[in-house]
């Protein structure tokens, strides 16, 4: 594995700004990610503060926009639940005030439908496991791992059980 050459002279403020503009233009970033990148580039504190202000003024980053896009992508593409999304937003140190509008875009009916669909798919995939309790545990652990709330998971599993009993009749 090749090591990157260490730059002998530090980056100028303009070079740091240009690198961060590209970094932010590639995908939405939160303040914490920008600060991490600035640390990695070894920019001094004054440069860091100036770059952050300039990036915000030119709308290269916006916490509300980041939260909206993060929640939307994790929900629609990865099918994550609200608990897991919140956990990752906390890891990225996004303030809670930016989450409200982001979570409001998830319709409750669609959320419940998705939990049920995921539960049914996992139930079908675990048909090889004959023990019903083990199958329920697999579905439970899968949905909890995806970040769904325990009461909603238990309700989805009980609906699966009811559907299976109806099919047997």
C-alpha atoms as a PDB file:
ATOM      1  CA  UNK A   1       0.000   0.000   0.000  1.00  0.00           C
ATOM      2  CA  UNK A   2       1.383   3.347  -1.030  1.00  0.00           C
ATOM      3  CA  UNK A   3       1.729   6.102   1.471  1.00  0.00           C
ATOM      4  CA  UNK A   4       0.663   9.580   0.472  1.00  0.00           C
ATOM      5  CA  UNK A   5       3.480  12.038   0.245  1.00  0.00           C
ATOM      6  CA  UNK A   6       3.580  14.430   3.139  1.00  0.00           C
ATOM      7  CA  UNK A   7       3.264  17.956   1.905  1.00  0.00           C
ATOM      8  CA  UNK A   8       6.205  20.010   3.122  1.00  0.00           C
ATOM      9  CA  UNK A   9       4.374  23.309   3.273  1.00  0.00           C
ATOM     10  CA  UNK A  10       0.866  23.752   4.703  1.00  0.00           C
ATOM     11  CA  UNK A  11      -2.065  24.494   2.420  1.00  0.00           C
ATOM     12  CA  UNK A  12      -2.986  28.130   1.938  1.00  0.00           C
ATOM     13  CA  UNK A  13      -6.416  29.345   3.012  1.00  0.00           C
ATOM     14  CA  UNK A  14      -7.490  29.530  -0.643  1.00  0.00           C
ATOM     15  CA  UNK A  15      -6.408  25.923  -1.269  1.00  0.00           C
ATOM     16  CA  UNK A  16      -8.247  24.745   1.827  1.00  0.00           C
ATOM     17  CA  UNK A  17     -11.375  26.628   0.759  1.00  0.00           C
ATOM     18  CA  UNK A  18     -11.209  25.134  -2.743  1.00  0.00           C
ATOM     19  CA  UNK A  19     -10.794  21.594  -1.384  1.00  0.00           C
ATOM     20  CA  UNK A  20     -13.727  22.055   0.987  1.00  0.00           C
ATOM     21  CA  UNK A  21     -15.915  23.505  -1.758  1.00  0.00           C
ATOM     22  CA  UNK A  22     -15.336  20.353  -3.812  1.00  0.00           C
ATOM     23  CA  UNK A  23     -15.878  18.194  -0.731  1.00  0.00           C
ATOM     24  CA  UNK A  24     -19.224  19.869   0.020  1.00  0.00           C
ATOM     25  CA  UNK A  25     -20.345  20.022  -3.610  1.00  0.00           C
ATOM     26  CA  UNK A  26     -19.887  16.265  -4.019  1.00  0.00           C
ATOM     27  CA  UNK A  27     -22.501  15.485  -1.347  1.00  0.00           C
ATOM     28  CA  UNK A  28     -24.310  17.275   1.465  1.00  0.00           C
ATOM     29  CA  UNK A  29     -22.142  17.583   4.561  1.00  0.00           C
ATOM     30  CA  UNK A  30     -22.812  18.533   8.141  1.00  0.00           C
ATOM     31  CA  UNK A  31     -20.652  20.879  10.187  1.00  0.00           C
ATOM     32  CA  UNK A  32     -18.972  18.003  12.013  1.00  0.00           C
ATOM     33  CA  UNK A  33     -17.833  16.375   8.739  1.00  0.00           C
ATOM     34  CA  UNK A  34     -16.464  19.706   7.539  1.00  0.00           C
ATOM     35  CA  UNK A  35     -14.570  20.218  10.793  1.00  0.00           C
ATOM     36  CA  UNK A  36     -13.129  16.697  10.521  1.00  0.00           C
ATOM     37  CA  UNK A  37     -11.961  17.400   6.970  1.00  0.00           C
ATOM     38  CA  UNK A  38     -10.381  20.688   8.051  1.00  0.00           C
ATOM     39  CA  UNK A  39      -8.527  18.856  10.832  1.00  0.00           C
ATOM     40  CA  UNK A  40      -7.319  16.276   8.323  1.00  0.00           C
ATOM     41  CA  UNK A  41      -6.050  19.064   6.062  1.00  0.00           C
ATOM     42  CA  UNK A  42      -4.242  20.511   9.104  1.00  0.00           C
ATOM     43  CA  UNK A  43      -5.737  23.967   8.648  1.00  0.00           C
ATOM     44  CA  UNK A  44      -5.121  26.413  11.485  1.00  0.00           C
ATOM     45  CA  UNK A  45      -8.016  27.611  13.660  1.00  0.00           C
ATOM     46  CA  UNK A  46      -8.376  30.983  11.933  1.00  0.00           C
ATOM     47  CA  UNK A  47      -8.486  29.369   8.488  1.00  0.00           C
ATOM     48  CA  UNK A  48     -10.993  26.782   9.731  1.00  0.00           C
ATOM     49  CA  UNK A  49     -13.347  29.424  11.050  1.00  0.00           C
ATOM     50  CA  UNK A  50     -13.073  31.564   7.900  1.00  0.00           C
ATOM     51  CA  UNK A  51     -13.643  28.577   5.592  1.00  0.00           C
ATOM     52  CA  UNK A  52     -16.701  27.430   7.565  1.00  0.00           C
ATOM     53  CA  UNK A  53     -18.220  30.920   7.406  1.00  0.00           C
ATOM     54  CA  UNK A  54     -17.557  31.245   3.674  1.00  0.00           C
ATOM     55  CA  UNK A  55     -18.965  27.788   2.943  1.00  0.00           C
ATOM     56  CA  UNK A  56     -22.120  28.614   4.874  1.00  0.00           C
ATOM     57  CA  UNK A  57     -22.535  32.019   3.209  1.00  0.00           C
ATOM     58  CA  UNK A  58     -22.295  30.396  -0.229  1.00  0.00           C
ATOM     59  CA  UNK A  59     -24.634  27.576   0.868  1.00  0.00           C
ATOM     60  CA  UNK A  60     -22.085  24.793   0.432  1.00  0.00           C
ATOM     61  CA  UNK A  61     -23.438  23.385   3.676  1.00  0.00           C
ATOM     62  CA  UNK A  62     -26.669  23.758   5.564  1.00  0.00           C
ATOM     63  CA  UNK A  63     -27.609  21.650   8.597  1.00  0.00           C
ATOM     64  CA  UNK A  64     -31.333  21.674   7.743  1.00  0.00           C
ATOM     65  CA  UNK A  65     -30.678  20.534   4.175  1.00  0.00           C
ATOM     66  CA  UNK A  66     -28.223  17.907   5.391  1.00  0.00           C
ATOM     67  CA  UNK A  67     -30.728  16.520   7.921  1.00  0.00           C
ATOM     68  CA  UNK A  68     -33.534  16.431   5.326  1.00  0.00           C
ATOM     69  CA  UNK A  69     -31.417  14.621   2.746  1.00  0.00           C
ATOM     70  CA  UNK A  70     -29.835  12.279   5.292  1.00  0.00           C
ATOM     71  CA  UNK A  71     -33.196  11.194   6.712  1.00  0.00           C
ATOM     72  CA  UNK A  72     -34.754  10.868   3.253  1.00  0.00           C
ATOM     73  CA  UNK A  73     -31.925   8.760   1.850  1.00  0.00           C
ATOM     74  CA  UNK A  74     -31.571   6.468   4.864  1.00  0.00           C
ATOM     75  CA  UNK A  75     -35.338   5.998   5.027  1.00  0.00           C
ATOM     76  CA  UNK A  76     -36.154   5.583   1.331  1.00  0.00           C
ATOM     77  CA  UNK A  77     -33.034   3.801   0.112  1.00  0.00           C
ATOM     78  CA  UNK A  78     -31.725   1.828   3.069  1.00  0.00           C
ATOM     79  CA  UNK A  79     -35.096   1.396   4.826  1.00  0.00           C
ATOM     80  CA  UNK A  80     -33.667   2.401   8.187  1.00  0.00           C
ATOM     81  CA  UNK A  81     -35.991   3.074  11.107  1.00  0.00           C
ATOM     82  CA  UNK A  82     -36.156   6.317  13.050  1.00  0.00           C
ATOM     83  CA  UNK A  83     -34.019   5.031  15.931  1.00  0.00           C
ATOM     84  CA  UNK A  84     -31.073   4.161  13.695  1.00  0.00           C
ATOM     85  CA  UNK A  85     -31.359   7.408  11.747  1.00  0.00           C
ATOM     86  CA  UNK A  86     -31.381   9.416  15.010  1.00  0.00           C
ATOM     87  CA  UNK A  87     -28.353   7.517  16.242  1.00  0.00           C
ATOM     88  CA  UNK A  88     -26.391   8.371  13.110  1.00  0.00           C
ATOM     89  CA  UNK A  89     -27.464  12.016  13.206  1.00  0.00           C
ATOM     90  CA  UNK A  90     -26.197  12.178  16.795  1.00  0.00           C
ATOM     91  CA  UNK A  91     -22.899  10.621  15.711  1.00  0.00           C
ATOM     92  CA  UNK A  92     -22.604  13.372  13.117  1.00  0.00           C
ATOM     93  CA  UNK A  93     -23.447  15.887  15.863  1.00  0.00           C
ATOM     94  CA  UNK A  94     -26.381  17.403  14.012  1.00  0.00           C
ATOM     95  CA  UNK A  95     -28.449  19.460  16.486  1.00  0.00           C
ATOM     96  CA  UNK A  96     -31.918  18.052  17.212  1.00  0.00           C
ATOM     97  CA  UNK A  97     -33.664  21.235  16.076  1.00  0.00           C
ATOM     98  CA  UNK A  98     -32.750  20.282  12.479  1.00  0.00           C
ATOM     99  CA  UNK A  99     -34.344  16.828  12.775  1.00  0.00           C
ATOM    100  CA  UNK A 100     -37.985  17.819  13.232  1.00  0.00           C
ATOM    101  CA  UNK A 101     -38.707  18.796   9.634  1.00  0.00           C
ATOM    102  CA  UNK A 102     -36.601  15.894   8.397  1.00  0.00           C
ATOM    103  CA  UNK A 103     -38.605  13.293  10.333  1.00  0.00           C
ATOM    104  CA  UNK A 104     -41.890  15.016   9.469  1.00  0.00           C
ATOM    105  CA  UNK A 105     -41.391  13.980   5.839  1.00  0.00           C
ATOM    106  CA  UNK A 106     -41.843  10.305   6.810  1.00  0.00           C
ATOM    107  CA  UNK A 107     -45.557   9.498   6.644  1.00  0.00           C
ATOM    108  CA  UNK A 108     -46.669   7.283   9.524  1.00  0.00           C
ATOM    109  CA  UNK A 109     -48.784   5.005   7.301  1.00  0.00           C
ATOM    110  CA  UNK A 110     -45.871   4.460   4.923  1.00  0.00           C
ATOM    111  CA  UNK A 111     -43.545   3.852   7.876  1.00  0.00           C
ATOM    112  CA  UNK A 112     -45.827   1.125   9.269  1.00  0.00           C
ATOM    113  CA  UNK A 113     -46.272  -0.395   5.816  1.00  0.00           C
ATOM    114  CA  UNK A 114     -42.515  -0.571   5.353  1.00  0.00           C
ATOM    115  CA  UNK A 115     -42.020  -2.310   8.701  1.00  0.00           C
ATOM    116  CA  UNK A 116     -44.633  -4.884   7.724  1.00  0.00           C
ATOM    117  CA  UNK A 117     -43.088  -5.411   4.266  1.00  0.00           C
ATOM    118  CA  UNK A 118     -39.622  -5.893   5.742  1.00  0.00           C
ATOM    119  CA  UNK A 119     -41.025  -8.302   8.343  1.00  0.00           C
ATOM    120  CA  UNK A 120     -42.821 -10.348   5.680  1.00  0.00           C
ATOM    121  CA  UNK A 121     -39.725 -10.525   3.481  1.00  0.00           C
ATOM    122  CA  UNK A 122     -37.531 -11.631   6.378  1.00  0.00           C
ATOM    123  CA  UNK A 123     -40.195 -14.150   7.457  1.00  0.00           C
ATOM    124  CA  UNK A 124     -40.217 -15.676   3.950  1.00  0.00           C
ATOM    125  CA  UNK A 125     -36.421 -15.757   3.804  1.00  0.00           C
ATOM    126  CA  UNK A 126     -36.265 -17.676   7.064  1.00  0.00           C
ATOM    127  CA  UNK A 127     -38.659 -20.445   5.970  1.00  0.00           C
ATOM    128  CA  UNK A 128     -35.876 -23.001   6.403  1.00  0.00           C
ATOM    129  CA  UNK A 129     -36.065 -22.439  10.153  1.00  0.00           C
ATOM    130  CA  UNK A 130     -38.943 -24.634  11.243  1.00  0.00           C
ATOM    131  CA  UNK A 131     -39.149 -23.407  14.828  1.00  0.00           C
ATOM    132  CA  UNK A 132     -41.628 -20.505  14.816  1.00  0.00           C
ATOM    133  CA  UNK A 133     -39.995 -18.871  17.843  1.00  0.00           C
ATOM    134  CA  UNK A 134     -36.597 -18.819  16.111  1.00  0.00           C
ATOM    135  CA  UNK A 135     -38.172 -17.337  12.980  1.00  0.00           C
ATOM    136  CA  UNK A 136     -39.872 -14.646  15.058  1.00  0.00           C
ATOM    137  CA  UNK A 137     -36.548 -13.922  16.772  1.00  0.00           C
ATOM    138  CA  UNK A 138     -34.823 -13.567  13.395  1.00  0.00           C
ATOM    139  CA  UNK A 139     -37.456 -11.117  12.190  1.00  0.00           C
ATOM    140  CA  UNK A 140     -37.383  -9.248  15.524  1.00  0.00           C
ATOM    141  CA  UNK A 141     -33.592  -8.908  15.563  1.00  0.00           C
ATOM    142  CA  UNK A 142     -33.538  -7.848  11.912  1.00  0.00           C
ATOM    143  CA  UNK A 143     -36.094  -5.059  12.409  1.00  0.00           C
ATOM    144  CA  UNK A 144     -34.540  -3.864  15.670  1.00  0.00           C
ATOM    145  CA  UNK A 145     -31.154  -3.803  13.916  1.00  0.00           C
ATOM    146  CA  UNK A 146     -32.682  -1.648  11.199  1.00  0.00           C
ATOM    147  CA  UNK A 147     -33.706   0.844  13.872  1.00  0.00           C
ATOM    148  CA  UNK A 148     -37.439   0.298  14.214  1.00  0.00           C
ATOM    149  CA  UNK A 149     -39.264   0.809  17.494  1.00  0.00           C
ATOM    150  CA  UNK A 150     -39.907  -2.300  19.610  1.00  0.00           C
ATOM    151  CA  UNK A 151     -43.720  -1.895  19.915  1.00  0.00           C
ATOM    152  CA  UNK A 152     -44.035  -1.517  16.126  1.00  0.00           C
ATOM    153  CA  UNK A 153     -41.791  -4.535  15.565  1.00  0.00           C
ATOM    154  CA  UNK A 154     -43.841  -6.658  17.959  1.00  0.00           C
ATOM    155  CA  UNK A 155     -47.072  -5.578  16.232  1.00  0.00           C
ATOM    156  CA  UNK A 156     -45.646  -6.516  12.816  1.00  0.00           C
ATOM    157  CA  UNK A 157     -44.587  -9.929  14.107  1.00  0.00           C
ATOM    158  CA  UNK A 158     -48.000 -10.592  15.639  1.00  0.00           C
ATOM    159  CA  UNK A 159     -49.646  -9.717  12.291  1.00  0.00           C
ATOM    160  CA  UNK A 160     -47.321 -12.219  10.610  1.00  0.00           C
ATOM    161  CA  UNK A 161     -48.394 -14.866  13.070  1.00  0.00           C
ATOM    162  CA  UNK A 162     -52.081 -14.073  12.436  1.00  0.00           C
ATOM    163  CA  UNK A 163     -51.585 -14.246   8.657  1.00  0.00           C
ATOM    164  CA  UNK A 164     -49.831 -17.604   8.968  1.00  0.00           C
ATOM    165  CA  UNK A 165     -52.661 -18.997  11.069  1.00  0.00           C
ATOM    166  CA  UNK A 166     -55.221 -17.812   8.481  1.00  0.00           C
ATOM    167  CA  UNK A 167     -53.253 -19.528   5.697  1.00  0.00           C
ATOM    168  CA  UNK A 168     -53.255 -22.796   7.611  1.00  0.00           C
ATOM    169  CA  UNK A 169     -57.079 -22.808   7.768  1.00  0.00           C
END
